[in-house]
Protein backbone atom coordinates (compact mmCIF):
# COMPACT_ATOMS: atom_id res chain seq x y z
CA MET A 1 -124.72 -47.01 53.75
CA ARG A 2 -125.55 -48.67 50.20
CA LEU A 3 -126.53 -45.24 49.32
CA ILE A 4 -123.23 -43.82 50.15
CA LYS A 5 -121.23 -46.59 48.49
CA ASN A 6 -123.70 -45.67 45.23
CA LEU A 7 -122.80 -42.19 45.54
CA ILE A 8 -118.93 -42.90 45.86
CA LEU A 9 -119.33 -45.17 42.86
CA ILE A 10 -121.06 -42.38 41.06
CA CYS A 11 -118.48 -39.91 41.77
CA LEU A 12 -115.77 -42.14 40.76
CA LEU A 13 -117.66 -42.67 37.36
CA LEU A 14 -117.86 -39.15 36.81
CA PHE A 15 -114.29 -38.50 37.98
CA SER A 16 -113.56 -41.05 35.09
CA LEU A 17 -115.52 -39.09 32.43
CA ILE A 18 -114.36 -35.71 33.44
CA THR A 19 -110.69 -36.88 33.08
CA THR A 20 -110.84 -38.63 29.87
CA GLN A 21 -113.05 -35.79 28.21
CA CYS A 22 -110.96 -32.74 29.37
CA TYR A 23 -107.10 -33.49 28.45
CA ALA A 24 -105.73 -29.94 28.50
CA ASP A 25 -107.67 -28.67 31.44
CA SER A 26 -108.41 -31.80 33.34
CA VAL A 27 -106.98 -30.77 36.59
CA GLU A 28 -108.89 -27.44 36.49
CA SER A 29 -112.22 -29.54 35.28
CA LEU A 30 -111.94 -32.02 38.21
CA GLY A 31 -111.12 -29.14 40.67
CA THR A 32 -114.62 -27.45 39.70
CA PHE A 33 -116.50 -30.84 39.71
CA LEU A 34 -115.15 -31.35 43.21
CA THR A 35 -115.99 -27.79 44.41
CA VAL A 36 -119.55 -28.61 43.28
CA SER A 37 -120.15 -32.16 44.35
CA LEU A 38 -118.55 -31.68 47.96
CA PRO A 39 -121.57 -29.48 49.01
CA ILE A 40 -123.96 -31.58 47.08
CA SER A 41 -122.68 -34.66 48.58
CA SER A 42 -122.81 -33.37 51.87
CA PHE A 43 -126.56 -32.27 51.66
CA VAL A 44 -127.24 -35.76 50.58
CA ILE A 45 -125.43 -37.53 53.51
CA THR A 46 -127.31 -35.08 55.78
CA TYR A 47 -131.01 -36.27 54.24
CA THR A 48 -129.80 -39.72 54.21
CA LYS A 49 -129.05 -39.75 57.98
CA LYS A 50 -132.18 -37.56 58.46
CA ASP A 51 -129.97 -35.13 60.04
CA TYR A 52 -131.98 -31.95 59.31
CA GLN A 53 -130.17 -29.95 62.31
CA GLY A 54 -127.15 -30.93 59.82
CA ALA A 55 -128.48 -29.51 56.85
CA LYS A 56 -129.27 -26.15 58.84
CA GLU A 57 -125.66 -26.14 59.97
CA LEU A 58 -124.41 -26.75 56.33
CA THR A 59 -126.42 -24.03 55.19
CA LEU A 60 -125.59 -21.69 57.62
CA SER A 61 -121.85 -22.39 57.19
CA GLY A 62 -122.29 -22.13 53.21
CA LEU A 63 -123.93 -18.93 53.42
CA THR A 64 -121.16 -17.59 56.00
CA THR A 65 -118.40 -18.93 53.53
CA ALA A 66 -120.26 -17.22 50.46
CA PHE A 67 -120.93 -13.96 52.30
CA VAL A 68 -117.34 -13.39 53.47
CA THR A 69 -115.69 -14.40 50.62
CA TYR A 70 -117.68 -12.38 48.21
CA SER A 71 -117.36 -9.17 50.32
CA LEU A 72 -113.59 -9.88 50.71
CA LYS A 73 -113.57 -10.16 46.71
CA SER A 74 -115.26 -6.80 46.23
CA LEU A 75 -113.18 -5.01 48.72
CA VAL A 76 -109.77 -6.26 47.80
CA HIS A 77 -110.03 -6.23 43.94
CA LYS A 78 -106.95 -8.32 43.60
CA ARG A 79 -105.82 -9.24 39.81
CA ARG A 80 -105.61 -13.11 39.21
CA PRO A 81 -102.45 -14.55 37.78
CA ASN A 82 -104.19 -15.02 34.57
CA GLY A 83 -104.88 -11.14 34.38
CA GLY A 84 -108.94 -11.64 35.62
CA THR A 85 -110.39 -10.07 38.39
CA HIS A 86 -111.42 -10.94 41.75
CA SER A 87 -108.70 -13.27 43.01
CA PHE A 88 -108.75 -12.85 46.73
CA PRO A 89 -109.91 -15.30 48.35
CA SER A 90 -110.69 -18.13 46.18
CA ALA A 91 -114.16 -19.15 46.21
CA HIS A 92 -113.98 -22.57 44.88
CA THR A 93 -111.49 -23.36 47.80
CA ALA A 94 -113.68 -21.80 50.25
CA LEU A 95 -116.86 -23.79 49.33
CA ALA A 96 -114.94 -27.03 49.38
CA PHE A 97 -113.31 -26.34 52.90
CA CYS A 98 -116.53 -25.43 54.18
CA SER A 99 -117.84 -28.80 53.24
CA ALA A 100 -115.16 -30.80 53.98
CA GLU A 101 -115.10 -29.45 57.88
CA PHE A 102 -118.55 -29.60 58.13
CA LEU A 103 -118.14 -33.68 57.22
CA GLN A 104 -115.18 -34.12 59.47
CA LYS A 105 -116.96 -31.94 62.48
CA ARG A 106 -120.29 -33.60 61.86
CA TYR A 107 -119.47 -37.21 61.03
CA GLY A 108 -115.87 -37.98 61.95
CA TRP A 109 -112.86 -38.46 59.94
CA LYS A 110 -114.17 -41.51 57.92
CA TYR A 111 -116.28 -38.71 55.89
CA GLY A 112 -113.84 -35.70 56.72
CA LEU A 113 -110.46 -37.18 55.34
CA PRO A 114 -111.55 -37.95 51.84
CA ALA A 115 -113.29 -34.81 51.74
CA PHE A 116 -110.21 -32.71 53.13
CA LEU A 117 -108.03 -34.59 50.43
CA MET A 118 -110.56 -33.43 47.62
CA ALA A 119 -110.92 -29.86 48.88
CA GLY A 120 -106.90 -29.93 49.02
CA PHE A 121 -107.04 -30.87 45.28
CA VAL A 122 -109.64 -28.13 44.62
CA GLY A 123 -107.19 -25.47 45.91
CA TYR A 124 -104.23 -27.25 43.88
CA SER A 125 -106.44 -26.87 40.82
CA ARG A 126 -106.89 -23.29 41.21
CA VAL A 127 -103.07 -22.28 41.56
CA TYR A 128 -102.52 -24.96 38.67
CA ALA A 129 -105.06 -23.36 36.46
CA LYS A 130 -103.52 -19.76 37.07
CA LYS A 131 -106.86 -18.77 38.59
CA HIS A 132 -105.34 -17.93 42.07
CA TYR A 133 -102.03 -17.21 44.14
CA VAL A 134 -101.16 -19.53 46.85
CA GLU A 135 -102.38 -16.68 49.33
CA ASP A 136 -105.62 -16.72 47.89
CA VAL A 137 -106.47 -20.37 48.23
CA ILE A 138 -104.87 -20.35 51.79
CA ALA A 139 -107.29 -17.57 52.78
CA GLY A 140 -110.25 -19.29 50.93
CA ALA A 141 -109.47 -22.59 53.11
CA THR A 142 -109.39 -20.78 56.15
CA ILE A 143 -112.80 -18.87 55.84
CA GLY A 144 -114.54 -21.95 54.71
CA PHE A 145 -113.09 -24.18 57.40
CA LEU A 146 -113.87 -21.34 59.91
CA SER A 147 -117.15 -20.92 58.80
CA SER A 148 -117.93 -24.72 59.40
CA PHE A 149 -115.98 -24.95 62.75
CA PHE A 150 -117.94 -21.77 64.25
CA TRP A 151 -121.36 -23.13 63.10
CA VAL A 152 -121.42 -27.26 63.29
CA LYS A 153 -122.39 -28.58 66.53
CA ARG A 154 -122.12 -25.35 68.49
CA PHE A 155 -125.33 -23.62 67.80
CA LYS A 156 -128.83 -24.89 67.58
CA THR A 157 -130.87 -23.05 65.22
CA THR A 158 -134.56 -22.72 64.96
CA ILE A 159 -136.83 -21.24 62.49
CA MET A 160 -140.51 -20.50 63.24
CA ILE A 161 -143.52 -18.96 61.43
CA GLU A 162 -145.51 -17.17 63.41
CA LYS A 163 -148.55 -14.78 62.71
CA LYS A 164 -146.53 -11.43 63.31
CA GLY A 165 -143.46 -12.84 61.25
CA LEU A 166 -140.62 -15.08 60.88
CA VAL A 167 -138.68 -16.03 64.27
CA PHE A 168 -135.08 -17.27 63.79
CA LEU A 169 -133.62 -18.47 67.05
CA ILE A 170 -129.73 -19.14 67.68
CA GLN A 171 -128.96 -21.18 70.74
CA LYS A 172 -125.40 -21.84 71.82
CA SER A 173 -124.34 -25.22 72.87
CA PHE A 174 -121.52 -25.31 75.51
């Protein structure tokens, strides 16, 4: 519990540094910071709790989120509001919501509610910075949410290394 409080304190310190250093783009910078800090914090929490199954679930959720998001980006080719490419869906938002749903489903609303608030801010920051349209953010949030909803506590994964190769076993929980 002490480690979690220290992590929150560090995040608040970094938050204050970012908001004071980045005047014009503080909303976008904070959104990017949260996009990175949510999954890192999620991994730190799983390891402090010695929840190795949770770490596997978070990894599978993150990989699924990344695969679906970047596959859609390369298929859709939607222009960003600022003229850039690959707007649909928002990868920042997808990753943030993947982490938020993981934390909520694995550890409850005590972890999930702050994570969802931060993930919501990530989505807002992407629209505010004219990097995405609202529908891009909604699609990204849905992809991230569903990836964690699908993997967390529903499947038990086992990875074994045998003489003949790597064995990856997925068992569904009912």
